[in-house]
Amino acid sequence: MAYADHSEGSSRTVSIVIVALIHAVLGYAFVSGLGMQYVKKAAEQLNVVDVKEEPPPPDEEPPPPPPDQPIEPPPVVAPPPIVQTPAPAPPIQTVRTPPPVFNPVPVAAPPPPPPPAPPRAAEKAKPRGQPGSWVTDADYPSRAQREERSGTTGFRLEIGPDGRVTNCTVTSSSGHPDLDAETCRLLPRRARFTPAKGTDGQPMADSFSSRIVWRLPQ
């Protein structure tokens, strides 16, 4: 490209020089009074070269894509908006946090205080008569007698301030329920006691424990 520009500049310079020479010759011819035929003759022999500017070579087109590859369309570029409206700020949402729920840790209640110890008798309750006479051979259960069953039943009697038995409890079994049941059936009706006395000399409740031996009658 640099060489072509230099050639075009040289041609223009030559043309300008030739035109200047022609004007100089014509002026000299008029001044010196030469004949017009010499001027015309010189003008005919002079060849004026008109140099035309050549257009620049066209840009080379890119080679077409191979047939196996799909032709991708050019990306679509959206023009920027003329007026950009600022986006509104998001609304502020107030979230109410519920107050914390206080769950008290259950505390086990202290055990109730033990009941006060019953007042101790200054004088214990005493049986009236012989305890052995409270149950006789005639009280032996007939079925236990037929089956020849025997045993020893331990018991505890609750005695009121009047000396009467208020309750009977089997503390040790004879091994036969009918003998145990007969023991607590007979004793509350037959046993009598001299009531116990407290430190103030007044009668008070008390208890009495013992055993009955059930032996088969002879």
C-alpha atoms as a PDB file:
ATOM      1  CA  MET A   1       0.000   0.000   0.000  1.00  0.00           C
ATOM      2  CA  ALA A   2       2.817   2.462   0.740  1.00  0.00           C
ATOM      3  CA  TYR A   3       4.349   1.868  -2.751  1.00  0.00           C
ATOM      4  CA  ALA A   4       1.073   2.612  -4.560  1.00  0.00           C
ATOM      5  CA  ASP A   5       0.642   5.920  -2.784  1.00  0.00           C
ATOM      6  CA  HIS A   6       4.170   6.966  -3.763  1.00  0.00           C
ATOM      7  CA  SER A   7       3.557   6.157  -7.463  1.00  0.00           C
ATOM      8  CA  GLU A   8       0.331   8.168  -7.523  1.00  0.00           C
ATOM      9  CA  GLY A   9       2.108  11.180  -5.965  1.00  0.00           C
ATOM     10  CA  SER A  10       4.905  11.024  -8.580  1.00  0.00           C
ATOM     11  CA  SER A  11       2.377  10.935 -11.474  1.00  0.00           C
ATOM     12  CA  ARG A  12       0.593  13.977 -10.149  1.00  0.00           C
ATOM     13  CA  THR A  13       3.875  15.833  -9.799  1.00  0.00           C
ATOM     14  CA  VAL A  14       4.859  15.025 -13.396  1.00  0.00           C
ATOM     15  CA  SER A  15       1.473  16.198 -14.667  1.00  0.00           C
ATOM     16  CA  ILE A  16       1.755  19.472 -12.795  1.00  0.00           C
ATOM     17  CA  VAL A  17       5.269  20.056 -14.150  1.00  0.00           C
ATOM     18  CA  ILE A  18       4.136  19.333 -17.730  1.00  0.00           C
ATOM     19  CA  VAL A  19       1.144  21.701 -17.460  1.00  0.00           C
ATOM     20  CA  ALA A  20       3.451  24.397 -16.050  1.00  0.00           C
ATOM     21  CA  LEU A  21       5.858  23.934 -18.973  1.00  0.00           C
ATOM     22  CA  ILE A  22       3.008  24.236 -21.450  1.00  0.00           C
ATOM     23  CA  HIS A  23       1.866  27.499 -19.930  1.00  0.00           C
ATOM     24  CA  ALA A  24       5.429  28.747 -19.918  1.00  0.00           C
ATOM     25  CA  VAL A  25       5.939  27.868 -23.600  1.00  0.00           C
ATOM     26  CA  LEU A  26       2.626  29.493 -24.602  1.00  0.00           C
ATOM     27  CA  GLY A  27       3.499  32.603 -22.706  1.00  0.00           C
ATOM     28  CA  TYR A  28       6.889  32.745 -24.233  1.00  0.00           C
ATOM     29  CA  ALA A  29       5.381  32.198 -27.685  1.00  0.00           C
ATOM     30  CA  PHE A  30       3.038  35.088 -27.277  1.00  0.00           C
ATOM     31  CA  VAL A  31       5.795  37.272 -25.935  1.00  0.00           C
ATOM     32  CA  SER A  32       8.377  36.369 -28.526  1.00  0.00           C
ATOM     33  CA  GLY A  33       5.857  36.493 -31.383  1.00  0.00           C
ATOM     34  CA  LEU A  34       6.307  32.990 -32.583  1.00  0.00           C
ATOM     35  CA  GLY A  35       3.806  31.690 -34.995  1.00  0.00           C
ATOM     36  CA  MET A  36       0.703  29.942 -33.907  1.00  0.00           C
ATOM     37  CA  GLN A  37       1.659  26.917 -35.949  1.00  0.00           C
ATOM     38  CA  TYR A  38       4.577  26.181 -33.707  1.00  0.00           C
ATOM     39  CA  VAL A  39       2.452  26.508 -30.708  1.00  0.00           C
ATOM     40  CA  LYS A  40      -0.211  24.162 -32.048  1.00  0.00           C
ATOM     41  CA  LYS A  41       2.402  21.778 -33.267  1.00  0.00           C
ATOM     42  CA  ALA A  42       4.020  21.673 -29.873  1.00  0.00           C
ATOM     43  CA  ALA A  43       0.637  21.251 -28.239  1.00  0.00           C
ATOM     44  CA  GLU A  44      -0.247  18.297 -30.456  1.00  0.00           C
ATOM     45  CA  GLN A  45       3.028  16.569 -29.735  1.00  0.00           C
ATOM     46  CA  LEU A  46       2.501  16.930 -26.021  1.00  0.00           C
ATOM     47  CA  ASN A  47       0.692  13.985 -24.436  1.00  0.00           C
ATOM     48  CA  VAL A  48      -1.076  14.748 -21.248  1.00  0.00           C
ATOM     49  CA  VAL A  49      -1.422  11.758 -18.958  1.00  0.00           C
ATOM     50  CA  ASP A  50      -4.495  11.797 -16.768  1.00  0.00           C
ATOM     51  CA  VAL A  51      -3.923   9.587 -13.794  1.00  0.00           C
ATOM     52  CA  LYS A  52      -7.086   8.172 -12.348  1.00  0.00           C
ATOM     53  CA  GLU A  53      -7.179   7.140  -8.747  1.00  0.00           C
ATOM     54  CA  GLU A  54      -7.742   3.434  -8.422  1.00  0.00           C
ATOM     55  CA  PRO A  55     -10.231   2.360  -5.774  1.00  0.00           C
ATOM     56  CA  PRO A  56      -8.776   0.390  -2.886  1.00  0.00           C
ATOM     57  CA  PRO A  57      -9.013  -3.387  -3.199  1.00  0.00           C
ATOM     58  CA  PRO A  58     -12.119  -4.871  -1.573  1.00  0.00           C
ATOM     59  CA  ASP A  59     -11.770  -6.618   1.787  1.00  0.00           C
ATOM     60  CA  GLU A  60     -11.352 -10.325   1.601  1.00  0.00           C
ATOM     61  CA  GLU A  61     -14.523 -12.151   2.573  1.00  0.00           C
ATOM     62  CA  PRO A  62     -14.182 -14.788   5.276  1.00  0.00           C
ATOM     63  CA  PRO A  63     -14.366 -18.333   4.000  1.00  0.00           C
ATOM     64  CA  PRO A  64     -17.766 -19.991   4.353  1.00  0.00           C
ATOM     65  CA  PRO A  65     -18.162 -22.370   7.293  1.00  0.00           C
ATOM     66  CA  PRO A  66     -17.834 -26.089   6.648  1.00  0.00           C
ATOM     67  CA  PRO A  67     -21.105 -27.842   5.839  1.00  0.00           C
ATOM     68  CA  ASP A  68     -20.970 -30.045   8.959  1.00  0.00           C
ATOM     69  CA  GLN A  69     -21.074 -27.119  11.366  1.00  0.00           C
ATOM     70  CA  PRO A  70     -24.391 -25.244  11.814  1.00  0.00           C
ATOM     71  CA  ILE A  71     -24.335 -21.540  11.103  1.00  0.00           C
ATOM     72  CA  GLU A  72     -24.853 -19.695  14.358  1.00  0.00           C
ATOM     73  CA  PRO A  73     -26.937 -16.557  14.047  1.00  0.00           C
ATOM     74  CA  PRO A  74     -25.315 -13.395  15.330  1.00  0.00           C
ATOM     75  CA  PRO A  75     -26.223 -12.571  18.934  1.00  0.00           C
ATOM     76  CA  VAL A  76     -29.076 -10.176  19.362  1.00  0.00           C
ATOM     77  CA  VAL A  77     -27.957  -7.160  21.305  1.00  0.00           C
ATOM     78  CA  ALA A  78     -30.807  -5.159  22.762  1.00  0.00           C
ATOM     79  CA  PRO A  79     -30.202  -1.420  22.784  1.00  0.00           C
ATOM     80  CA  PRO A  80     -30.028   0.136  26.228  1.00  0.00           C
ATOM     81  CA  PRO A  81     -33.251   1.784  27.391  1.00  0.00           C
ATOM     82  CA  ILE A  82     -33.479   5.489  26.786  1.00  0.00           C
ATOM     83  CA  VAL A  83     -34.810   6.220  30.237  1.00  0.00           C
ATOM     84  CA  GLN A  84     -33.776   4.009  33.119  1.00  0.00           C
ATOM     85  CA  THR A  85     -36.342   4.024  35.853  1.00  0.00           C
ATOM     86  CA  PRO A  86     -34.827   3.217  39.240  1.00  0.00           C
ATOM     87  CA  ALA A  87     -36.283   0.055  40.729  1.00  0.00           C
ATOM     88  CA  PRO A  88     -38.355   0.715  43.866  1.00  0.00           C
ATOM     89  CA  ALA A  89     -36.818  -0.373  47.118  1.00  0.00           C
ATOM     90  CA  PRO A  90     -38.255  -3.607  48.538  1.00  0.00           C
ATOM     91  CA  PRO A  91     -40.861  -3.027  51.220  1.00  0.00           C
ATOM     92  CA  ILE A  92     -39.678  -3.421  54.771  1.00  0.00           C
ATOM     93  CA  GLN A  93     -41.457  -6.259  56.498  1.00  0.00           C
ATOM     94  CA  THR A  94     -41.654  -6.143  60.246  1.00  0.00           C
ATOM     95  CA  VAL A  95     -41.520  -9.593  61.807  1.00  0.00           C
ATOM     96  CA  ARG A  96     -42.856  -9.809  65.298  1.00  0.00           C
ATOM     97  CA  THR A  97     -40.857 -12.241  67.338  1.00  0.00           C
ATOM     98  CA  PRO A  98     -43.021 -13.885  70.003  1.00  0.00           C
ATOM     99  CA  PRO A  99     -41.658 -13.656  73.495  1.00  0.00           C
ATOM    100  CA  PRO A 100     -39.823 -16.737  74.649  1.00  0.00           C
ATOM    101  CA  VAL A 101     -41.971 -19.275  76.404  1.00  0.00           C
ATOM    102  CA  PHE A 102     -40.723 -19.929  79.851  1.00  0.00           C
ATOM    103  CA  ASN A 103     -41.108 -23.555  80.733  1.00  0.00           C
ATOM    104  CA  PRO A 104     -40.295 -23.935  84.387  1.00  0.00           C
ATOM    105  CA  VAL A 105     -38.494 -27.087  85.242  1.00  0.00           C
ATOM    106  CA  PRO A 106     -40.761 -29.137  87.463  1.00  0.00           C
ATOM    107  CA  VAL A 107     -39.272 -29.581  90.854  1.00  0.00           C
ATOM    108  CA  ALA A 108     -40.230 -32.669  92.722  1.00  0.00           C
ATOM    109  CA  ALA A 109     -42.135 -31.840  95.850  1.00  0.00           C
ATOM    110  CA  PRO A 110     -40.349 -32.847  98.975  1.00  0.00           C
ATOM    111  CA  PRO A 111     -41.722 -35.977 100.558  1.00  0.00           C
ATOM    112  CA  PRO A 112     -44.260 -35.366 103.255  1.00  0.00           C
ATOM    113  CA  PRO A 113     -42.872 -35.472 106.716  1.00  0.00           C
ATOM    114  CA  PRO A 114     -43.339 -38.793 108.453  1.00  0.00           C
ATOM    115  CA  PRO A 115     -46.306 -38.979 110.737  1.00  0.00           C
ATOM    116  CA  PRO A 116     -45.513 -38.332 114.323  1.00  0.00           C
ATOM    117  CA  ALA A 117     -44.687 -41.400 116.279  1.00  0.00           C
ATOM    118  CA  PRO A 118     -47.621 -42.621 118.303  1.00  0.00           C
ATOM    119  CA  PRO A 119     -47.306 -41.889 121.943  1.00  0.00           C
ATOM    120  CA  ARG A 120     -45.662 -44.688 123.808  1.00  0.00           C
ATOM    121  CA  ALA A 121     -47.717 -46.363 126.447  1.00  0.00           C
ATOM    122  CA  ALA A 122     -46.370 -46.161 129.945  1.00  0.00           C
ATOM    123  CA  GLU A 123     -48.220 -49.429 130.623  1.00  0.00           C
ATOM    124  CA  LYS A 124     -48.898 -51.973 127.848  1.00  0.00           C
ATOM    125  CA  ALA A 125     -52.259 -53.608 127.267  1.00  0.00           C
ATOM    126  CA  LYS A 126     -52.592 -56.983 129.027  1.00  0.00           C
ATOM    127  CA  PRO A 127     -54.811 -59.961 128.092  1.00  0.00           C
ATOM    128  CA  ARG A 128     -57.613 -60.827 130.492  1.00  0.00           C
ATOM    129  CA  GLY A 129     -57.423 -64.531 131.275  1.00  0.00           C
ATOM    130  CA  GLN A 130     -55.365 -67.076 129.345  1.00  0.00           C
ATOM    131  CA  PRO A 131     -54.759 -66.385 125.613  1.00  0.00           C
ATOM    132  CA  GLY A 132     -54.761 -70.150 125.026  1.00  0.00           C
ATOM    133  CA  SER A 133     -58.446 -70.268 125.888  1.00  0.00           C
ATOM    134  CA  TRP A 134     -59.403 -67.934 123.036  1.00  0.00           C
ATOM    135  CA  VAL A 135     -59.316 -70.859 120.529  1.00  0.00           C
ATOM    136  CA  THR A 136     -60.220 -74.480 121.434  1.00  0.00           C
ATOM    137  CA  ASP A 137     -60.293 -77.841 119.641  1.00  0.00           C
ATOM    138  CA  ALA A 138     -63.968 -77.304 118.929  1.00  0.00           C
ATOM    139  CA  ASP A 139     -63.000 -74.316 116.721  1.00  0.00           C
ATOM    140  CA  TYR A 140     -60.832 -76.459 114.400  1.00  0.00           C
ATOM    141  CA  PRO A 141     -62.196 -76.171 110.852  1.00  0.00           C
ATOM    142  CA  SER A 142     -63.867 -79.455 109.935  1.00  0.00           C
ATOM    143  CA  ARG A 143     -62.433 -79.635 106.451  1.00  0.00           C
ATOM    144  CA  ALA A 144     -58.894 -78.994 107.681  1.00  0.00           C
ATOM    145  CA  GLN A 145     -59.451 -81.661 110.293  1.00  0.00           C
ATOM    146  CA  ARG A 146     -60.635 -84.208 107.684  1.00  0.00           C
ATOM    147  CA  GLU A 147     -57.633 -83.411 105.526  1.00  0.00           C
ATOM    148  CA  GLU A 148     -55.386 -83.514 108.593  1.00  0.00           C
ATOM    149  CA  ARG A 149     -53.913 -80.068 108.011  1.00  0.00           C
ATOM    150  CA  SER A 150     -52.233 -78.121 110.782  1.00  0.00           C
ATOM    151  CA  GLY A 151     -49.939 -75.096 111.261  1.00  0.00           C
ATOM    152  CA  THR A 152     -49.056 -71.964 113.232  1.00  0.00           C
ATOM    153  CA  THR A 153     -50.657 -68.555 112.497  1.00  0.00           C
ATOM    154  CA  GLY A 154     -49.014 -65.342 113.693  1.00  0.00           C
ATOM    155  CA  PHE A 155     -51.304 -62.382 114.350  1.00  0.00           C
ATOM    156  CA  ARG A 156     -51.414 -58.811 115.583  1.00  0.00           C
ATOM    157  CA  LEU A 157     -54.413 -57.312 117.367  1.00  0.00           C
ATOM    158  CA  GLU A 158     -55.206 -53.584 117.493  1.00  0.00           C
ATOM    159  CA  ILE A 159     -56.696 -52.706 120.912  1.00  0.00           C
ATOM    160  CA  GLY A 160     -58.778 -49.637 121.631  1.00  0.00           C
ATOM    161  CA  PRO A 161     -58.780 -47.528 124.826  1.00  0.00           C
ATOM    162  CA  ASP A 162     -61.712 -49.645 126.072  1.00  0.00           C
ATOM    163  CA  GLY A 163     -59.683 -52.899 125.877  1.00  0.00           C
ATOM    164  CA  ARG A 164     -61.643 -54.329 122.894  1.00  0.00           C
ATOM    165  CA  VAL A 165     -59.983 -55.641 119.699  1.00  0.00           C
ATOM    166  CA  THR A 166     -60.622 -53.288 116.781  1.00  0.00           C
ATOM    167  CA  ASN A 167     -58.638 -55.138 114.064  1.00  0.00           C
ATOM    168  CA  CYS A 168     -56.791 -58.391 113.438  1.00  0.00           C
ATOM    169  CA  THR A 169     -53.932 -58.905 110.951  1.00  0.00           C
ATOM    170  CA  VAL A 170     -52.169 -62.179 110.017  1.00  0.00           C
ATOM    171  CA  THR A 171     -48.420 -61.550 110.310  1.00  0.00           C
ATOM    172  CA  SER A 172     -47.296 -65.086 109.352  1.00  0.00           C
ATOM    173  CA  SER A 173     -49.400 -67.720 107.576  1.00  0.00           C
ATOM    174  CA  SER A 174     -49.860 -71.299 108.634  1.00  0.00           C
ATOM    175  CA  GLY A 175     -49.839 -72.333 105.008  1.00  0.00           C
ATOM    176  CA  HIS A 176     -53.581 -72.874 104.982  1.00  0.00           C
ATOM    177  CA  PRO A 177     -55.923 -69.951 104.261  1.00  0.00           C
ATOM    178  CA  ASP A 178     -58.849 -71.451 106.153  1.00  0.00           C
ATOM    179  CA  LEU A 179     -56.817 -71.706 109.381  1.00  0.00           C
ATOM    180  CA  ASP A 180     -55.582 -68.093 109.035  1.00  0.00           C
ATOM    181  CA  ALA A 181     -59.102 -66.809 108.330  1.00  0.00           C
ATOM    182  CA  GLU A 182     -60.509 -68.694 111.346  1.00  0.00           C
ATOM    183  CA  THR A 183     -57.869 -67.100 113.584  1.00  0.00           C
ATOM    184  CA  CYS A 184     -58.871 -63.486 112.761  1.00  0.00           C
ATOM    185  CA  ARG A 185     -62.555 -64.430 112.881  1.00  0.00           C
ATOM    186  CA  LEU A 186     -62.424 -65.753 116.467  1.00  0.00           C
ATOM    187  CA  LEU A 187     -59.934 -63.434 118.237  1.00  0.00           C
ATOM    188  CA  PRO A 188     -61.806 -60.085 117.871  1.00  0.00           C
ATOM    189  CA  ARG A 189     -64.874 -61.704 119.508  1.00  0.00           C
ATOM    190  CA  ARG A 190     -63.122 -63.548 122.304  1.00  0.00           C
ATOM    191  CA  ALA A 191     -59.948 -61.659 123.244  1.00  0.00           C
ATOM    192  CA  ARG A 192     -60.263 -59.043 125.987  1.00  0.00           C
ATOM    193  CA  PHE A 193     -57.561 -56.746 127.323  1.00  0.00           C
ATOM    194  CA  THR A 194     -56.834 -54.361 130.116  1.00  0.00           C
ATOM    195  CA  PRO A 195     -56.269 -51.121 128.117  1.00  0.00           C
ATOM    196  CA  ALA A 196     -52.868 -49.531 127.995  1.00  0.00           C
ATOM    197  CA  LYS A 197     -52.179 -46.303 129.870  1.00  0.00           C
ATOM    198  CA  GLY A 198     -50.201 -43.303 128.776  1.00  0.00           C
ATOM    199  CA  THR A 199     -47.755 -41.210 130.762  1.00  0.00           C
ATOM    200  CA  ASP A 200     -50.708 -39.154 131.979  1.00  0.00           C
ATOM    201  CA  GLY A 201     -52.425 -42.283 133.384  1.00  0.00           C
ATOM    202  CA  GLN A 202     -55.238 -42.175 130.789  1.00  0.00           C
ATOM    203  CA  PRO A 203     -56.220 -45.301 128.751  1.00  0.00           C
ATOM    204  CA  MET A 204     -54.903 -45.324 125.175  1.00  0.00           C
ATOM    205  CA  ALA A 205     -54.803 -47.532 122.086  1.00  0.00           C
ATOM    206  CA  ASP A 206     -52.220 -50.265 121.860  1.00  0.00           C
ATOM    207  CA  SER A 207     -51.424 -53.509 119.996  1.00  0.00           C
ATOM    208  CA  PHE A 208     -50.774 -57.124 120.917  1.00  0.00           C
ATOM    209  CA  SER A 209     -48.905 -59.754 118.836  1.00  0.00           C
ATOM    210  CA  SER A 210     -48.786 -63.521 119.345  1.00  0.00           C
ATOM    211  CA  ARG A 211     -49.309 -66.905 117.627  1.00  0.00           C
ATOM    212  CA  ILE A 212     -51.881 -69.698 117.578  1.00  0.00           C
ATOM    213  CA  VAL A 213     -50.795 -73.297 116.983  1.00  0.00           C
ATOM    214  CA  TRP A 214     -53.418 -75.351 115.142  1.00  0.00           C
ATOM    215  CA  ARG A 215     -53.032 -78.989 116.232  1.00  0.00           C
ATOM    216  CA  LEU A 216     -55.329 -81.781 115.207  1.00  0.00           C
ATOM    217  CA  PRO A 217     -57.570 -82.817 118.106  1.00  0.00           C
ATOM    218  CA  GLN A 218     -56.678 -86.169 119.753  1.00  0.00           C
END
